Amino acid sequence: MLSFLDNQAAWRSIIRSASSASDVNHLSRLAGLQFAKLRCNPWFEWVPSHQNLSDPLSRQGLADPHVAAAIQPGAWKPLVLSPPWGVLAPNLKSISSFITALD
């Protein structure tokens, strides 16, 4: 697994599988458990914001001028995802309960 993050606090949290912020801690632990379950060694690389292609989308979304300029001529197309929440919800609840028990 290869992930690129442009937020150094998020980068450190996911590497440690821990954070002082409760919501980030929860997600970091979930990621750590998933890596252990998959028996994988993820590699995380920090990139400066100006080199991150997803940075405009993460800040202003489709309203960002650079994103709008790429969408208008058709170079980019908005992606609509429909996660299978019916399948994911039961697993998320059990994982969340496990992580809550760890605290």
PDB file of N, CA and C in Angstrom:
ATOM      1  N   MET A   1       0.854  -1.175   0.000  1.00  0.00           N
ATOM      2  CA  MET A   1       0.000   0.000   0.000  1.00  0.00           C
ATOM      3  C   MET A   1       0.891   1.226   0.000  1.00  0.00           C
ATOM      4  N   LEU A   2       0.555   2.180  -0.814  1.00  0.00           N
ATOM      5  CA  LEU A   2       1.293   3.423  -0.914  1.00  0.00           C
ATOM      6  C   LEU A   2       0.307   4.558  -0.738  1.00  0.00           C
ATOM      7  N   SER A   3       0.591   5.444   0.232  1.00  0.00           N
ATOM      8  CA  SER A   3      -0.300   6.584   0.492  1.00  0.00           C
ATOM      9  C   SER A   3       0.526   7.857   0.535  1.00  0.00           C
ATOM     10  N   PHE A   4      -0.046   8.925   0.006  1.00  0.00           N
ATOM     11  CA  PHE A   4       0.594  10.229   0.045  1.00  0.00           C
ATOM     12  C   PHE A   4      -0.275  11.154   0.874  1.00  0.00           C
ATOM     13  N   LEU A   5       0.326  11.829   1.846  1.00  0.00           N
ATOM     14  CA  LEU A   5      -0.415  12.750   2.709  1.00  0.00           C
ATOM     15  C   LEU A   5       0.292  14.101   2.683  1.00  0.00           C
ATOM     16  N   ASP A   6      -0.485  15.177   2.646  1.00  0.00           N
ATOM     17  CA  ASP A   6       0.121  16.506   2.672  1.00  0.00           C
ATOM     18  C   ASP A   6      -0.108  17.196   4.014  1.00  0.00           C
ATOM     19  N   ASN A   7      -0.571  16.472   4.995  1.00  0.00           N
ATOM     20  CA  ASN A   7      -0.789  17.014   6.333  1.00  0.00           C
ATOM     21  C   ASN A   7       0.129  16.239   7.273  1.00  0.00           C
ATOM     22  N   GLN A   8       1.131  16.938   7.828  1.00  0.00           N
ATOM     23  CA  GLN A   8       2.130  16.243   8.629  1.00  0.00           C
ATOM     24  C   GLN A   8       1.545  15.628   9.900  1.00  0.00           C
ATOM     25  N   ALA A   9       0.550  16.270  10.508  1.00  0.00           N
ATOM     26  CA  ALA A   9      -0.074  15.707  11.718  1.00  0.00           C
ATOM     27  C   ALA A   9      -0.800  14.402  11.381  1.00  0.00           C
ATOM     28  N   ALA A  10      -1.519  14.382  10.268  1.00  0.00           N
ATOM     29  CA  ALA A  10      -2.204  13.163   9.838  1.00  0.00           C
ATOM     30  C   ALA A  10      -1.185  12.082   9.487  1.00  0.00           C
ATOM     31  N   TRP A  11      -0.131  12.466   8.851  1.00  0.00           N
ATOM     32  CA  TRP A  11       0.937  11.542   8.467  1.00  0.00           C
ATOM     33  C   TRP A  11       1.525  10.861   9.697  1.00  0.00           C
ATOM     34  N   ARG A  12       1.868  11.668  10.712  1.00  0.00           N
ATOM     35  CA  ARG A  12       2.433  11.101  11.942  1.00  0.00           C
ATOM     36  C   ARG A  12       1.421  10.215  12.662  1.00  0.00           C
ATOM     37  N   SER A  13       0.170  10.630  12.685  1.00  0.00           N
ATOM     38  CA  SER A  13      -0.862   9.862  13.388  1.00  0.00           C
ATOM     39  C   SER A  13      -1.085   8.494  12.765  1.00  0.00           C
ATOM     40  N   ILE A  14      -1.122   8.440  11.460  1.00  0.00           N
ATOM     41  CA  ILE A  14      -1.390   7.153  10.813  1.00  0.00           C
ATOM     42  C   ILE A  14      -0.181   6.230  10.918  1.00  0.00           C
ATOM     43  N   ILE A  15       1.012   6.778  10.933  1.00  0.00           N
ATOM     44  CA  ILE A  15       2.210   5.966  11.116  1.00  0.00           C
ATOM     45  C   ILE A  15       2.222   5.367  12.518  1.00  0.00           C
ATOM     46  N   ARG A  16       1.865   6.171  13.524  1.00  0.00           N
ATOM     47  CA  ARG A  16       1.856   5.709  14.926  1.00  0.00           C
ATOM     48  C   ARG A  16       0.594   4.943  15.291  1.00  0.00           C
ATOM     49  N   SER A  17      -0.437   5.043  14.463  1.00  0.00           N
ATOM     50  CA  SER A  17      -1.766   4.490  14.783  1.00  0.00           C
ATOM     51  C   SER A  17      -2.307   5.091  16.068  1.00  0.00           C
ATOM     52  N   ALA A  18      -2.026   6.362  16.272  1.00  0.00           N
ATOM     53  CA  ALA A  18      -2.498   7.047  17.476  1.00  0.00           C
ATOM     54  C   ALA A  18      -2.465   8.555  17.261  1.00  0.00           C
ATOM     55  N   SER A  19      -3.332   9.256  17.987  1.00  0.00           N
ATOM     56  CA  SER A  19      -3.381  10.710  17.933  1.00  0.00           C
ATOM     57  C   SER A  19      -4.015  11.220  19.211  1.00  0.00           C
ATOM     58  N   SER A  20      -3.696  12.448  19.589  1.00  0.00           N
ATOM     59  CA  SER A  20      -4.332  13.043  20.772  1.00  0.00           C
ATOM     60  C   SER A  20      -5.746  13.534  20.455  1.00  0.00           C
ATOM     61  N   ALA A  21      -6.057  13.750  19.191  1.00  0.00           N
ATOM     62  CA  ALA A  21      -7.413  14.135  18.780  1.00  0.00           C
ATOM     63  C   ALA A  21      -8.255  12.863  18.664  1.00  0.00           C
ATOM     64  N   SER A  22      -9.368  12.800  19.381  1.00  0.00           N
ATOM     65  CA  SER A  22     -10.127  11.550  19.475  1.00  0.00           C
ATOM     66  C   SER A  22     -10.610  11.018  18.125  1.00  0.00           C
ATOM     67  N   ASP A  23     -11.091  11.891  17.245  1.00  0.00           N
ATOM     68  CA  ASP A  23     -11.587  11.390  15.958  1.00  0.00           C
ATOM     69  C   ASP A  23     -10.445  10.872  15.085  1.00  0.00           C
ATOM     70  N   VAL A  24      -9.324  11.570  15.089  1.00  0.00           N
ATOM     71  CA  VAL A  24      -8.160  11.126  14.311  1.00  0.00           C
ATOM     72  C   VAL A  24      -7.583   9.853  14.932  1.00  0.00           C
ATOM     73  N   ASN A  25      -7.589   9.779  16.264  1.00  0.00           N
ATOM     74  CA  ASN A  25      -7.114   8.587  16.955  1.00  0.00           C
ATOM     75  C   ASN A  25      -7.933   7.365  16.530  1.00  0.00           C
ATOM     76  N   HIS A  26      -9.239   7.552  16.473  1.00  0.00           N
ATOM     77  CA  HIS A  26     -10.137   6.470  16.076  1.00  0.00           C
ATOM     78  C   HIS A  26      -9.790   5.973  14.667  1.00  0.00           C
ATOM     79  N   LEU A  27      -9.658   6.890  13.734  1.00  0.00           N
ATOM     80  CA  LEU A  27      -9.333   6.516  12.349  1.00  0.00           C
ATOM     81  C   LEU A  27      -7.934   5.923  12.235  1.00  0.00           C
ATOM     82  N   SER A  28      -6.982   6.463  12.991  1.00  0.00           N
ATOM     83  CA  SER A  28      -5.613   5.944  12.963  1.00  0.00           C
ATOM     84  C   SER A  28      -5.557   4.516  13.476  1.00  0.00           C
ATOM     85  N   ARG A  29      -6.303   4.246  14.541  1.00  0.00           N
ATOM     86  CA  ARG A  29      -6.336   2.884  15.075  1.00  0.00           C
ATOM     87  C   ARG A  29      -7.018   1.923  14.106  1.00  0.00           C
ATOM     88  N   LEU A  30      -8.091   2.380  13.475  1.00  0.00           N
ATOM     89  CA  LEU A  30      -8.745   1.537  12.468  1.00  0.00           C
ATOM     90  C   LEU A  30      -7.766   1.187  11.347  1.00  0.00           C
ATOM     91  N   ALA A  31      -7.016   2.170  10.902  1.00  0.00           N
ATOM     92  CA  ALA A  31      -6.039   1.928   9.834  1.00  0.00           C
ATOM     93  C   ALA A  31      -4.980   0.943  10.319  1.00  0.00           C
ATOM     94  N   GLY A  32      -4.468   1.136  11.527  1.00  0.00           N
ATOM     95  CA  GLY A  32      -3.458   0.234  12.076  1.00  0.00           C
ATOM     96  C   GLY A  32      -3.964  -1.196  12.191  1.00  0.00           C
ATOM     97  N   LEU A  33      -5.214  -1.350  12.638  1.00  0.00           N
ATOM     98  CA  LEU A  33      -5.803  -2.691  12.731  1.00  0.00           C
ATOM     99  C   LEU A  33      -5.957  -3.326  11.353  1.00  0.00           C
ATOM    100  N   GLN A  34      -6.350  -2.522  10.384  1.00  0.00           N
ATOM    101  CA  GLN A  34      -6.518  -3.041   9.026  1.00  0.00           C
ATOM    102  C   GLN A  34      -5.172  -3.474   8.447  1.00  0.00           C
ATOM    103  N   PHE A  35      -4.120  -2.692   8.691  1.00  0.00           N
ATOM    104  CA  PHE A  35      -2.793  -3.067   8.200  1.00  0.00           C
ATOM    105  C   PHE A  35      -2.347  -4.378   8.836  1.00  0.00           C
ATOM    106  N   ALA A  36      -2.606  -4.528  10.144  1.00  0.00           N
ATOM    107  CA  ALA A  36      -2.238  -5.769  10.833  1.00  0.00           C
ATOM    108  C   ALA A  36      -3.034  -6.943  10.276  1.00  0.00           C
ATOM    109  N   LYS A  37      -4.323  -6.736  10.066  1.00  0.00           N
ATOM    110  CA  LYS A  37      -5.178  -7.800   9.525  1.00  0.00           C
ATOM    111  C   LYS A  37      -4.690  -8.245   8.142  1.00  0.00           C
ATOM    112  N   LEU A  38      -4.303  -7.279   7.327  1.00  0.00           N
ATOM    113  CA  LEU A  38      -3.824  -7.579   5.976  1.00  0.00           C
ATOM    114  C   LEU A  38      -2.364  -8.038   5.948  1.00  0.00           C
ATOM    115  N   ARG A  39      -1.697  -7.939   7.102  1.00  0.00           N
ATOM    116  CA  ARG A  39      -0.277  -8.286   7.206  1.00  0.00           C
ATOM    117  C   ARG A  39       0.541  -7.529   6.168  1.00  0.00           C
ATOM    118  N   CYS A  40       0.258  -6.246   6.063  1.00  0.00           N
ATOM    119  CA  CYS A  40       0.972  -5.431   5.083  1.00  0.00           C
ATOM    120  C   CYS A  40       1.865  -4.420   5.793  1.00  0.00           C
ATOM    121  N   ASN A  41       2.835  -3.964   5.091  1.00  0.00           N
ATOM    122  CA  ASN A  41       3.726  -2.918   5.576  1.00  0.00           C
ATOM    123  C   ASN A  41       3.494  -1.680   4.715  1.00  0.00           C
ATOM    124  N   PRO A  42       2.598  -0.807   5.146  1.00  0.00           N
ATOM    125  CA  PRO A  42       2.313   0.368   4.319  1.00  0.00           C
ATOM    126  C   PRO A  42       3.498   1.327   4.289  1.00  0.00           C
ATOM    127  N   TRP A  43       3.589   2.061   3.212  1.00  0.00           N
ATOM    128  CA  TRP A  43       4.623   3.078   3.082  1.00  0.00           C
ATOM    129  C   TRP A  43       3.901   4.413   2.942  1.00  0.00           C
ATOM    130  N   PHE A  44       4.221   5.348   3.820  1.00  0.00           N
ATOM    131  CA  PHE A  44       3.604   6.661   3.789  1.00  0.00           C
ATOM    132  C   PHE A  44       4.648   7.688   3.406  1.00  0.00           C
ATOM    133  N   GLU A  45       4.262   8.549   2.522  1.00  0.00           N
ATOM    134  CA  GLU A  45       5.172   9.578   2.057  1.00  0.00           C
ATOM    135  C   GLU A  45       4.487  10.932   2.202  1.00  0.00           C
ATOM    136  N   TRP A  46       5.170  11.882   2.829  1.00  0.00           N
ATOM    137  CA  TRP A  46       4.632  13.234   2.959  1.00  0.00           C
ATOM    138  C   TRP A  46       5.026  14.025   1.721  1.00  0.00           C
ATOM    139  N   VAL A  47       4.077  14.768   1.180  1.00  0.00           N
ATOM    140  CA  VAL A  47       4.349  15.646   0.042  1.00  0.00           C
ATOM    141  C   VAL A  47       3.882  17.050   0.395  1.00  0.00           C
ATOM    142  N   PRO A  48       4.590  18.071  -0.054  1.00  0.00           N
ATOM    143  CA  PRO A  48       4.143  19.443   0.186  1.00  0.00           C
ATOM    144  C   PRO A  48       2.791  19.689  -0.495  1.00  0.00           C
ATOM    145  N   SER A  49       1.972  20.530   0.099  1.00  0.00           N
ATOM    146  CA  SER A  49       0.633  20.805  -0.436  1.00  0.00           C
ATOM    147  C   SER A  49       0.659  21.214  -1.900  1.00  0.00           C
ATOM    148  N   HIS A  50       1.619  22.048  -2.277  1.00  0.00           N
ATOM    149  CA  HIS A  50       1.636  22.540  -3.664  1.00  0.00           C
ATOM    150  C   HIS A  50       1.971  21.443  -4.669  1.00  0.00           C
ATOM    151  N   GLN A  51       2.463  20.288  -4.204  1.00  0.00           N
ATOM    152  CA  GLN A  51       2.748  19.174  -5.105  1.00  0.00           C
ATOM    153  C   GLN A  51       1.660  18.101  -5.067  1.00  0.00           C
ATOM    154  N   ASN A  52       0.667  18.291  -4.217  1.00  0.00           N
ATOM    155  CA  ASN A  52      -0.407  17.311  -4.069  1.00  0.00           C
ATOM    156  C   ASN A  52      -1.545  17.657  -5.020  1.00  0.00           C
ATOM    157  N   LEU A  53      -1.785  16.797  -5.987  1.00  0.00           N
ATOM    158  CA  LEU A  53      -2.834  17.054  -6.976  1.00  0.00           C
ATOM    159  C   LEU A  53      -4.228  17.106  -6.358  1.00  0.00           C
ATOM    160  N   SER A  54      -4.433  16.420  -5.237  1.00  0.00           N
ATOM    161  CA  SER A  54      -5.765  16.410  -4.617  1.00  0.00           C
ATOM    162  C   SER A  54      -5.975  17.583  -3.662  1.00  0.00           C
ATOM    163  N   ASP A  55      -4.958  18.393  -3.441  1.00  0.00           N
ATOM    164  CA  ASP A  55      -5.077  19.484  -2.476  1.00  0.00           C
ATOM    165  C   ASP A  55      -6.229  20.446  -2.776  1.00  0.00           C
ATOM    166  N   PRO A  56      -6.382  20.933  -4.024  1.00  0.00           N
ATOM    167  CA  PRO A  56      -7.513  21.843  -4.280  1.00  0.00           C
ATOM    168  C   PRO A  56      -8.867  21.189  -3.987  1.00  0.00           C
ATOM    169  N   LEU A  57      -8.998  19.914  -4.321  1.00  0.00           N
ATOM    170  CA  LEU A  57     -10.263  19.219  -4.051  1.00  0.00           C
ATOM    171  C   LEU A  57     -10.523  19.081  -2.553  1.00  0.00           C
ATOM    172  N   SER A  58      -9.463  18.885  -1.769  1.00  0.00           N
ATOM    173  CA  SER A  58      -9.643  18.704  -0.329  1.00  0.00           C
ATOM    174  C   SER A  58      -9.959  20.018   0.371  1.00  0.00           C
ATOM    175  N   ARG A  59      -9.725  21.133  -0.279  1.00  0.00           N
ATOM    176  CA  ARG A  59      -9.970  22.428   0.360  1.00  0.00           C
ATOM    177  C   ARG A  59     -11.286  23.070  -0.101  1.00  0.00           C
ATOM    178  N   GLN A  60     -11.447  23.258  -1.393  1.00  0.00           N
ATOM    179  CA  GLN A  60     -12.645  23.939  -1.902  1.00  0.00           C
ATOM    180  C   GLN A  60     -13.512  23.050  -2.784  1.00  0.00           C
ATOM    181  N   GLY A  61     -13.078  21.826  -2.991  1.00  0.00           N
ATOM    182  CA  GLY A  61     -13.869  20.909  -3.797  1.00  0.00           C
ATOM    183  C   GLY A  61     -14.022  21.395  -5.232  1.00  0.00           C
ATOM    184  N   LEU A  62     -15.196  21.197  -5.798  1.00  0.00           N
ATOM    185  CA  LEU A  62     -15.450  21.564  -7.190  1.00  0.00           C
ATOM    186  C   LEU A  62     -15.490  23.080  -7.403  1.00  0.00           C
ATOM    187  N   ALA A  63     -15.566  23.858  -6.301  1.00  0.00           N
ATOM    188  CA  ALA A  63     -15.583  25.319  -6.411  1.00  0.00           C
ATOM    189  C   ALA A  63     -14.185  25.906  -6.601  1.00  0.00           C
ATOM    190  N   ASP A  64     -13.135  25.118  -6.419  1.00  0.00           N
ATOM    191  CA  ASP A  64     -11.780  25.619  -6.595  1.00  0.00           C
ATOM    192  C   ASP A  64     -11.573  26.024  -8.054  1.00  0.00           C
ATOM    193  N   PRO A  65     -10.984  27.197  -8.310  1.00  0.00           N
ATOM    194  CA  PRO A  65     -10.806  27.659  -9.690  1.00  0.00           C
ATOM    195  C   PRO A  65     -10.004  26.694 -10.578  1.00  0.00           C
ATOM    196  N   HIS A  66      -8.953  26.069 -10.024  1.00  0.00           N
ATOM    197  CA  HIS A  66      -8.157  25.134 -10.819  1.00  0.00           C
ATOM    198  C   HIS A  66      -8.965  23.883 -11.175  1.00  0.00           C
ATOM    199  N   VAL A  67      -9.753  23.414 -10.228  1.00  0.00           N
ATOM    200  CA  VAL A  67     -10.585  22.234 -10.474  1.00  0.00           C
ATOM    201  C   VAL A  67     -11.662  22.572 -11.499  1.00  0.00           C
ATOM    202  N   ALA A  68     -12.334  23.720 -11.313  1.00  0.00           N
ATOM    203  CA  ALA A  68     -13.389  24.138 -12.246  1.00  0.00           C
ATOM    204  C   ALA A  68     -12.831  24.307 -13.658  1.00  0.00           C
ATOM    205  N   ALA A  69     -11.596  24.840 -13.765  1.00  0.00           N
ATOM    206  CA  ALA A  69     -10.978  25.033 -15.077  1.00  0.00           C
ATOM    207  C   ALA A  69     -10.694  23.697 -15.760  1.00  0.00           C
ATOM    208  N   ALA A  70     -10.399  22.653 -14.982  1.00  0.00           N
ATOM    209  CA  ALA A  70     -10.131  21.337 -15.566  1.00  0.00           C
ATOM    210  C   ALA A  70     -11.429  20.602 -15.897  1.00  0.00           C
ATOM    211  N   ILE A  71     -12.478  20.851 -15.113  1.00  0.00           N
ATOM    212  CA  ILE A  71     -13.756  20.166 -15.345  1.00  0.00           C
ATOM    213  C   ILE A  71     -14.485  20.762 -16.550  1.00  0.00           C
ATOM    214  N   GLN A  72     -14.445  22.076 -16.677  1.00  0.00           N
ATOM    215  CA  GLN A  72     -15.205  22.757 -17.729  1.00  0.00           C
ATOM    216  C   GLN A  72     -14.895  22.211 -19.131  1.00  0.00           C
ATOM    217  N   PRO A  73     -13.622  22.082 -19.533  1.00  0.00           N
ATOM    218  CA  PRO A  73     -13.374  21.551 -20.882  1.00  0.00           C
ATOM    219  C   PRO A  73     -13.459  20.026 -20.965  1.00  0.00           C
ATOM    220  N   GLY A  74     -13.726  19.389 -19.832  1.00  0.00           N
ATOM    221  CA  GLY A  74     -13.861  17.940 -19.840  1.00  0.00           C
ATOM    222  C   GLY A  74     -12.585  17.181 -19.530  1.00  0.00           C
ATOM    223  N   ALA A  75     -11.520  17.884 -19.135  1.00  0.00           N
ATOM    224  CA  ALA A  75     -10.272  17.200 -18.789  1.00  0.00           C
ATOM    225  C   ALA A  75     -10.463  16.338 -17.544  1.00  0.00           C
ATOM    226  N   TRP A  76     -11.280  16.807 -16.623  1.00  0.00           N
ATOM    227  CA  TRP A  76     -11.613  16.045 -15.415  1.00  0.00           C
ATOM    228  C   TRP A  76     -13.107  15.825 -15.392  1.00  0.00           C
ATOM    229  N   LYS A  77     -13.526  14.746 -14.782  1.00  0.00           N
ATOM    230  CA  LYS A  77     -14.949  14.475 -14.599  1.00  0.00           C
ATOM    231  C   LYS A  77     -15.205  14.187 -13.125  1.00  0.00           C
ATOM    232  N   PRO A  78     -16.229  14.804 -12.537  1.00  0.00           N
ATOM    233  CA  PRO A  78     -16.543  14.511 -11.130  1.00  0.00           C
ATOM    234  C   PRO A  78     -16.877  13.025 -10.969  1.00  0.00           C
ATOM    235  N   LEU A  79     -16.363  12.431  -9.906  1.00  0.00           N
ATOM    236  CA  LEU A  79     -16.597  11.021  -9.617  1.00  0.00           C
ATOM    237  C   LEU A  79     -17.656  10.908  -8.526  1.00  0.00           C
ATOM    238  N   VAL A  80     -18.682  10.143  -8.783  1.00  0.00           N
ATOM    239  CA  VAL A  80     -19.739   9.927  -7.804  1.00  0.00           C
ATOM    240  C   VAL A  80     -19.603   8.488  -7.295  1.00  0.00           C
ATOM    241  N   LEU A  81     -19.365   8.367  -6.000  1.00  0.00           N
ATOM    242  CA  LEU A  81     -19.207   7.049  -5.393  1.00  0.00           C
ATOM    243  C   LEU A  81     -20.438   6.686  -4.585  1.00  0.00           C
ATOM    244  N   SER A  82     -20.812   5.448  -4.637  1.00  0.00           N
ATOM    245  CA  SER A  82     -21.921   4.940  -3.827  1.00  0.00           C
ATOM    246  C   SER A  82     -21.427   3.734  -3.038  1.00  0.00           C
ATOM    247  N   PRO A  83     -20.846   3.985  -1.844  1.00  0.00           N
ATOM    248  CA  PRO A  83     -20.339   2.855  -1.057  1.00  0.00           C
ATOM    249  C   PRO A  83     -21.476   1.919  -0.654  1.00  0.00           C
ATOM    250  N   PRO A  84     -21.195   0.631  -0.518  1.00  0.00           N
ATOM    251  CA  PRO A  84     -22.215  -0.327  -0.081  1.00  0.00           C
ATOM    252  C   PRO A  84     -22.382  -0.250   1.447  1.00  0.00           C
ATOM    253  N   TRP A  85     -23.067   0.778   1.920  1.00  0.00           N
ATOM    254  CA  TRP A  85     -23.189   1.011   3.367  1.00  0.00           C
ATOM    255  C   TRP A  85     -23.822  -0.165   4.089  1.00  0.00           C
ATOM    256  N   GLY A  86     -24.719  -0.884   3.441  1.00  0.00           N
ATOM    257  CA  GLY A  86     -25.342  -2.043   4.076  1.00  0.00           C
ATOM    258  C   GLY A  86     -24.327  -3.118   4.436  1.00  0.00           C
ATOM    259  N   VAL A  87     -23.280  -3.239   3.635  1.00  0.00           N
ATOM    260  CA  VAL A  87     -22.234  -4.217   3.898  1.00  0.00           C
ATOM    261  C   VAL A  87     -21.218  -3.659   4.899  1.00  0.00           C
ATOM    262  N   LEU A  88     -20.909  -2.378   4.782  1.00  0.00           N
ATOM    263  CA  LEU A  88     -19.886  -1.769   5.623  1.00  0.00           C
ATOM    264  C   LEU A  88     -20.352  -1.495   7.052  1.00  0.00           C
ATOM    265  N   ALA A  89     -21.592  -1.087   7.219  1.00  0.00           N
ATOM    266  CA  ALA A  89     -22.084  -0.639   8.528  1.00  0.00           C
ATOM    267  C   ALA A  89     -21.890  -1.669   9.642  1.00  0.00           C
ATOM    268  N   PRO A  90     -22.263  -2.935   9.466  1.00  0.00           N
ATOM    269  CA  PRO A  90     -22.089  -3.887  10.569  1.00  0.00           C
ATOM    270  C   PRO A  90     -20.621  -4.058  10.981  1.00  0.00           C
ATOM    271  N   ASN A  91     -19.726  -4.063  10.014  1.00  0.00           N
ATOM    272  CA  ASN A  91     -18.304  -4.213  10.326  1.00  0.00           C
ATOM    273  C   ASN A  91     -17.750  -2.987  11.020  1.00  0.00           C
ATOM    274  N   LEU A  92     -18.168  -1.806  10.593  1.00  0.00           N
ATOM    275  CA  LEU A  92     -17.688  -0.584  11.223  1.00  0.00           C
ATOM    276  C   LEU A  92     -18.109  -0.524  12.682  1.00  0.00           C
ATOM    277  N   LYS A  93     -19.305  -0.983  12.977  1.00  0.00           N
ATOM    278  CA  LYS A  93     -19.793  -0.962  14.350  1.00  0.00           C
ATOM    279  C   LYS A  93     -18.963  -1.892  15.237  1.00  0.00           C
ATOM    280  N   SER A  94     -18.661  -3.084  14.760  1.00  0.00           N
ATOM    281  CA  SER A  94     -17.881  -4.021  15.570  1.00  0.00           C
ATOM    282  C   SER A  94     -16.445  -3.533  15.748  1.00  0.00           C
ATOM    283  N   ILE A  95     -15.867  -2.967  14.709  1.00  0.00           N
ATOM    284  CA  ILE A  95     -14.509  -2.428  14.816  1.00  0.00           C
ATOM    285  C   ILE A  95     -14.494  -1.238  15.758  1.00  0.00           C
ATOM    286  N   SER A  96     -15.490  -0.375  15.649  1.00  0.00           N
ATOM    287  CA  SER A  96     -15.584   0.788  16.523  1.00  0.00           C
ATOM    288  C   SER A  96     -15.714   0.362  17.982  1.00  0.00           C
ATOM    289  N   SER A  97     -16.502  -0.669  18.258  1.00  0.00           N
ATOM    290  CA  SER A  97     -16.650  -1.175  19.623  1.00  0.00           C
ATOM    291  C   SER A  97     -15.332  -1.699  20.156  1.00  0.00           C
ATOM    292  N   PHE A  98     -14.585  -2.385  19.291  1.00  0.00           N
ATOM    293  CA  PHE A  98     -13.291  -2.916  19.696  1.00  0.00           C
ATOM    294  C   PHE A  98     -12.326  -1.787  20.052  1.00  0.00           C
ATOM    295  N   ILE A  99     -12.307  -0.740  19.228  1.00  0.00           N
ATOM    296  CA  ILE A  99     -11.404   0.383  19.475  1.00  0.00           C
ATOM    297  C   ILE A  99     -11.819   1.132  20.723  1.00  0.00           C
ATOM    298  N   THR A 100     -13.105   1.302  20.946  1.00  0.00           N
ATOM    299  CA  THR A 100     -13.587   1.967  22.157  1.00  0.00           C
ATOM    300  C   THR A 100     -13.133   1.187  23.386  1.00  0.00           C
ATOM    301  N   ALA A 101     -13.151  -0.132  23.305  1.00  0.00           N
ATOM    302  CA  ALA A 101     -12.703  -0.975  24.422  1.00  0.00           C
ATOM    303  C   ALA A 101     -11.219  -0.803  24.704  1.00  0.00           C
ATOM    304  N   LEU A 102     -10.432  -0.451  23.687  1.00  0.00           N
ATOM    305  CA  LEU A 102      -9.006  -0.239  23.871  1.00  0.00           C
ATOM    306  C   LEU A 102      -8.701   1.036  24.661  1.00  0.00           C
ATOM    307  N   ASP A 103      -9.591   2.014  24.548  1.00  0.00           N
ATOM    308  CA  ASP A 103      -9.366   3.279  25.261  1.00  0.00           C
ATOM    309  C   ASP A 103      -9.575   3.075  26.700  1.00  0.00           C
TER     310      ASP A 103
END
